[in-house]
Protein backbone atom coordinates (compact mmCIF):
# COMPACT_ATOMS: atom_id res chain seq x y z
CA UNK A 1 5.73 -16.63 12.39
CA UNK A 2 2.19 -18.05 12.45
CA UNK A 3 2.48 -18.61 16.20
CA UNK A 4 3.52 -14.96 16.65
CA UNK A 5 0.45 -13.85 14.66
CA UNK A 6 -1.84 -15.86 16.97
CA UNK A 7 -0.13 -14.55 20.12
CA UNK A 8 -0.42 -10.94 18.94
CA UNK A 9 -4.13 -11.39 18.22
CA UNK A 10 -4.80 -12.53 21.79
CA UNK A 11 -2.81 -9.81 23.53
CA UNK A 12 -4.26 -6.44 24.46
CA UNK A 13 -4.16 -3.72 21.82
CA UNK A 14 -1.33 -1.71 23.35
CA UNK A 15 0.83 -4.71 24.28
CA UNK A 16 0.35 -6.28 20.85
CA UNK A 17 1.30 -3.01 19.15
CA UNK A 18 4.47 -2.68 21.22
CA UNK A 19 5.61 -6.26 20.52
CA UNK A 20 4.79 -6.12 16.81
CA UNK A 21 6.52 -2.75 16.44
CA UNK A 22 9.72 -3.97 18.07
CA UNK A 23 9.78 -7.20 16.04
CA UNK A 24 8.93 -5.58 12.72
CA UNK A 25 11.33 -2.67 13.06
CA UNK A 26 14.17 -5.04 13.84
CA UNK A 27 13.39 -7.33 10.94
CA UNK A 28 12.74 -4.61 8.37
CA UNK A 29 15.96 -2.81 9.20
CA UNK A 30 17.88 -6.09 9.00
CA UNK A 31 16.77 -6.60 5.38
CA UNK A 32 17.60 -3.05 4.33
CA UNK A 33 14.37 -1.09 4.77
CA UNK A 34 15.03 2.56 5.63
CA UNK A 35 12.55 3.30 8.40
CA UNK A 36 11.76 6.68 9.93
CA UNK A 37 11.10 7.49 13.57
CA UNK A 38 8.08 6.46 15.63
CA UNK A 39 6.55 4.06 13.11
CA UNK A 40 3.95 1.72 14.61
CA UNK A 41 2.80 -1.76 13.65
CA UNK A 42 -0.52 -3.22 14.79
CA UNK A 43 -0.09 -6.90 13.96
CA UNK A 44 2.74 -8.38 11.94
CA UNK A 45 3.00 -7.37 8.27
CA UNK A 46 4.37 -9.55 5.48
CA UNK A 47 7.28 -8.32 3.39
CA UNK A 48 9.21 -9.69 0.43
CA UNK A 49 12.16 -7.55 -0.63
CA UNK A 50 14.38 -8.40 -3.57
CA UNK A 51 18.13 -7.84 -3.38
CA UNK A 52 17.89 -4.88 -5.76
CA UNK A 53 14.67 -3.54 -4.27
CA UNK A 54 14.58 -0.40 -2.12
CA UNK A 55 12.03 0.70 0.46
CA UNK A 56 12.05 4.02 2.29
CA UNK A 57 9.42 4.72 4.97
CA UNK A 58 8.97 8.13 6.60
CA UNK A 59 8.35 8.92 10.25
CA UNK A 60 5.21 8.11 12.25
CA UNK A 61 3.81 5.76 9.59
CA UNK A 62 1.27 3.18 10.83
CA UNK A 63 0.64 -0.30 9.44
CA UNK A 64 -2.47 -2.09 10.70
CA UNK A 65 -2.41 -5.86 10.15
CA UNK A 66 -4.29 -6.87 13.29
CA UNK A 67 -7.92 -7.62 12.44
CA UNK A 68 -9.16 -6.30 15.80
CA UNK A 69 -7.44 -2.96 15.21
CA UNK A 70 -9.64 -2.14 12.20
CA UNK A 71 -13.18 -3.46 12.14
CA UNK A 72 -13.71 -2.76 8.43
CA UNK A 73 -13.05 -6.47 7.83
CA UNK A 74 -9.40 -6.85 6.90
CA UNK A 75 -8.77 -9.79 4.58
CA UNK A 76 -4.97 -9.92 4.94
CA UNK A 77 -2.13 -8.43 6.98
CA UNK A 78 -0.32 -5.52 5.34
CA UNK A 79 1.66 -7.20 2.57
CA UNK A 80 4.53 -5.54 0.71
CA UNK A 81 6.33 -7.11 -2.23
CA UNK A 82 9.29 -5.48 -3.96
CA UNK A 83 10.46 -7.38 -7.01
CA UNK A 84 13.38 -6.81 -9.40
CA UNK A 85 14.39 -3.14 -9.06
CA UNK A 86 11.20 -2.12 -7.28
CA UNK A 87 11.46 1.15 -5.36
CA UNK A 88 8.82 2.08 -2.77
CA UNK A 89 8.76 5.42 -0.96
CA UNK A 90 6.24 6.36 1.76
CA UNK A 91 6.04 9.84 3.29
CA UNK A 92 5.58 10.90 6.91
CA UNK A 93 2.38 10.36 8.92
CA UNK A 94 0.72 7.99 6.44
CA UNK A 95 -1.36 4.98 7.47
CA UNK A 96 -2.29 1.61 5.97
CA UNK A 97 -4.77 -1.12 6.95
CA UNK A 98 -4.47 -4.56 5.38
CA UNK A 99 -2.95 -3.01 2.25
CA UNK A 100 -1.23 -5.09 -0.44
CA UNK A 101 1.53 -3.24 -2.31
CA UNK A 102 3.40 -4.96 -5.14
CA UNK A 103 6.18 -2.99 -6.82
CA UNK A 104 8.60 -3.87 -9.59
CA UNK A 105 9.14 -0.33 -10.92
CA UNK A 106 8.45 2.61 -8.58
CA UNK A 107 5.64 3.56 -6.21
CA UNK A 108 5.71 6.92 -4.44
CA UNK A 109 3.20 7.58 -1.66
CA UNK A 110 3.15 11.04 -0.13
CA UNK A 111 2.78 12.30 3.43
CA UNK A 112 -0.42 12.07 5.47
CA UNK A 113 -1.94 9.56 3.05
CA UNK A 114 -4.71 7.40 4.53
CA UNK A 115 -5.13 4.02 2.87
CA UNK A 116 -8.29 2.15 3.90
CA UNK A 117 -8.77 -1.54 4.54
CA UNK A 118 -7.90 -4.06 1.83
CA UNK A 119 -6.62 -1.54 -0.72
CA UNK A 120 -4.42 -3.03 -3.47
CA UNK A 121 -1.63 -1.04 -5.15
CA UNK A 122 0.15 -2.72 -8.10
CA UNK A 123 2.55 -0.91 -10.44
CA UNK A 124 2.70 -3.88 -12.80
CA UNK A 125 0.67 -6.61 -14.42
CA UNK A 126 1.32 -10.08 -13.09
CA UNK A 127 0.83 -11.59 -16.53
CA UNK A 128 1.24 -10.58 -20.16
CA UNK A 129 -1.86 -9.54 -22.08
CA UNK A 130 -0.72 -11.77 -24.96
CA UNK A 131 -2.23 -15.24 -24.50
CA UNK A 132 0.71 -16.92 -26.24
CA UNK A 133 3.23 -15.23 -23.96
CA UNK A 134 1.16 -16.16 -20.89
CA UNK A 135 1.75 -19.83 -21.63
CA UNK A 136 5.51 -19.37 -21.92
CA UNK A 137 8.39 -18.79 -19.52
CA UNK A 138 8.48 -15.16 -20.67
CA UNK A 139 5.10 -14.36 -19.14
CA UNK A 140 6.15 -12.37 -16.08
CA UNK A 141 9.19 -10.82 -17.77
CA UNK A 142 7.02 -9.34 -20.50
CA UNK A 143 4.21 -8.16 -18.25
CA UNK A 144 3.97 -4.37 -18.31
CA UNK A 145 4.85 -2.05 -15.45
CA UNK A 146 4.59 1.71 -14.92
CA UNK A 147 5.29 3.94 -11.88
CA UNK A 148 2.54 5.03 -9.50
CA UNK A 149 2.46 8.37 -7.70
CA UNK A 150 0.06 9.16 -4.84
CA UNK A 151 0.23 12.76 -3.63
CA UNK A 152 0.11 14.20 -0.13
CA UNK A 153 -3.08 14.09 1.94
CA UNK A 154 -4.84 11.57 -0.33
CA UNK A 155 -7.50 9.30 1.17
CA UNK A 156 -8.08 5.91 -0.49
CA UNK A 157 -11.28 4.14 0.56
CA UNK A 158 -11.65 0.48 1.48
CA UNK A 159 -11.25 -2.15 -1.25
CA UNK A 160 -10.03 0.33 -3.84
CA UNK A 161 -7.46 -0.83 -6.40
CA UNK A 162 -4.67 1.40 -7.72
CA UNK A 163 -3.11 0.04 -10.91
CA UNK A 164 0.07 0.71 -12.87
CA UNK A 165 0.50 4.23 -14.19
CA UNK A 166 -1.94 5.83 -11.74
CA UNK A 167 -1.10 9.41 -10.79
CA UNK A 168 -3.27 10.64 -7.92
CA UNK A 169 -3.08 14.34 -7.17
CA UNK A 170 -2.73 15.77 -3.67
CA UNK A 171 -5.75 15.91 -1.37
CA UNK A 172 -7.87 13.70 -3.62
CA UNK A 173 -10.34 11.09 -2.35
CA UNK A 174 -10.62 7.65 -3.93
CA UNK A 175 -14.02 6.12 -3.22
CA UNK A 176 -14.49 2.65 -1.76
CA UNK A 177 -14.07 -0.07 -4.37
CA UNK A 178 -12.82 2.33 -7.08
CA UNK A 179 -10.32 1.11 -9.67
CA UNK A 180 -7.76 3.77 -10.60
CA UNK A 181 -5.39 3.40 -13.54
CA UNK A 182 -5.08 6.91 -14.96
CA UNK A 183 -4.47 10.47 -13.82
CA UNK A 184 -6.53 12.00 -11.01
CA UNK A 185 -6.28 15.81 -10.68
CA UNK A 186 -5.56 17.39 -7.32
CA UNK A 187 -8.53 17.96 -5.00
CA UNK A 188 -10.76 15.45 -6.80
CA UNK A 189 -13.24 12.83 -5.66
CA UNK A 190 -13.30 9.74 -7.86
CA UNK A 191 -15.52 6.65 -7.74
CA UNK A 192 -16.32 3.61 -9.84
CA UNK A 193 -14.66 1.14 -12.20
CA UNK A 194 -13.03 2.68 -14.11
CA UNK A 195 -12.70 5.54 -11.65
CA UNK A 196 -14.20 8.87 -12.72
CA UNK A 197 -14.09 12.32 -11.16
CA UNK A 198 -17.51 13.22 -9.73
CA UNK A 199 -16.62 16.51 -8.05
CA UNK A 200 -13.82 18.51 -6.47
CA UNK A 201 -13.05 18.38 -2.75
CA UNK A 202 -12.98 22.17 -2.67
CA UNK A 203 -16.78 22.06 -3.04
CA UNK A 204 -17.04 20.25 0.28
CA UNK A 205 -15.05 22.80 2.25
CA UNK A 206 -16.16 26.03 0.59
């Protein structure tokens, strides 16, 4: 797989995309991913899908894992991890660059969602908040999880982090580097850590 990554980096943009798309589609379908029509892959993503996990991807979705295809400074290929009974749904015409998605409950991402470089989306904690549990074999089992919902036409800026329980309303904008863990109303612009609404997107288009 590492050799394929190197080869794809050295090929032209269009040739690399074609090869990576063919390889990824074949592999994803072989492990049970439901993949819509005309999806494209720029570079090879990484995926880990549990036996009970489920992943449904809409049509015309793009995954950018090739560093030369997004000059924002991608730190990793697109990486998707579905653990336990994790259920990931992605709507039509959405796009991702170097995203890391880890799901053990449920993550729903709408249509026409743009996810900037190096965004992280986790619907669970990796460790318990109890220090005694963290030092035991129960650590991961007792870590909390909560579904994430990202509405249609949302834009998530580079290096943002979306944590368990986040509910992002349609057409909202998540600023670069923001950390979202709560509810974001529709048509909102949020920035900061923790993320706060600074204004409504309707102000920009009125």
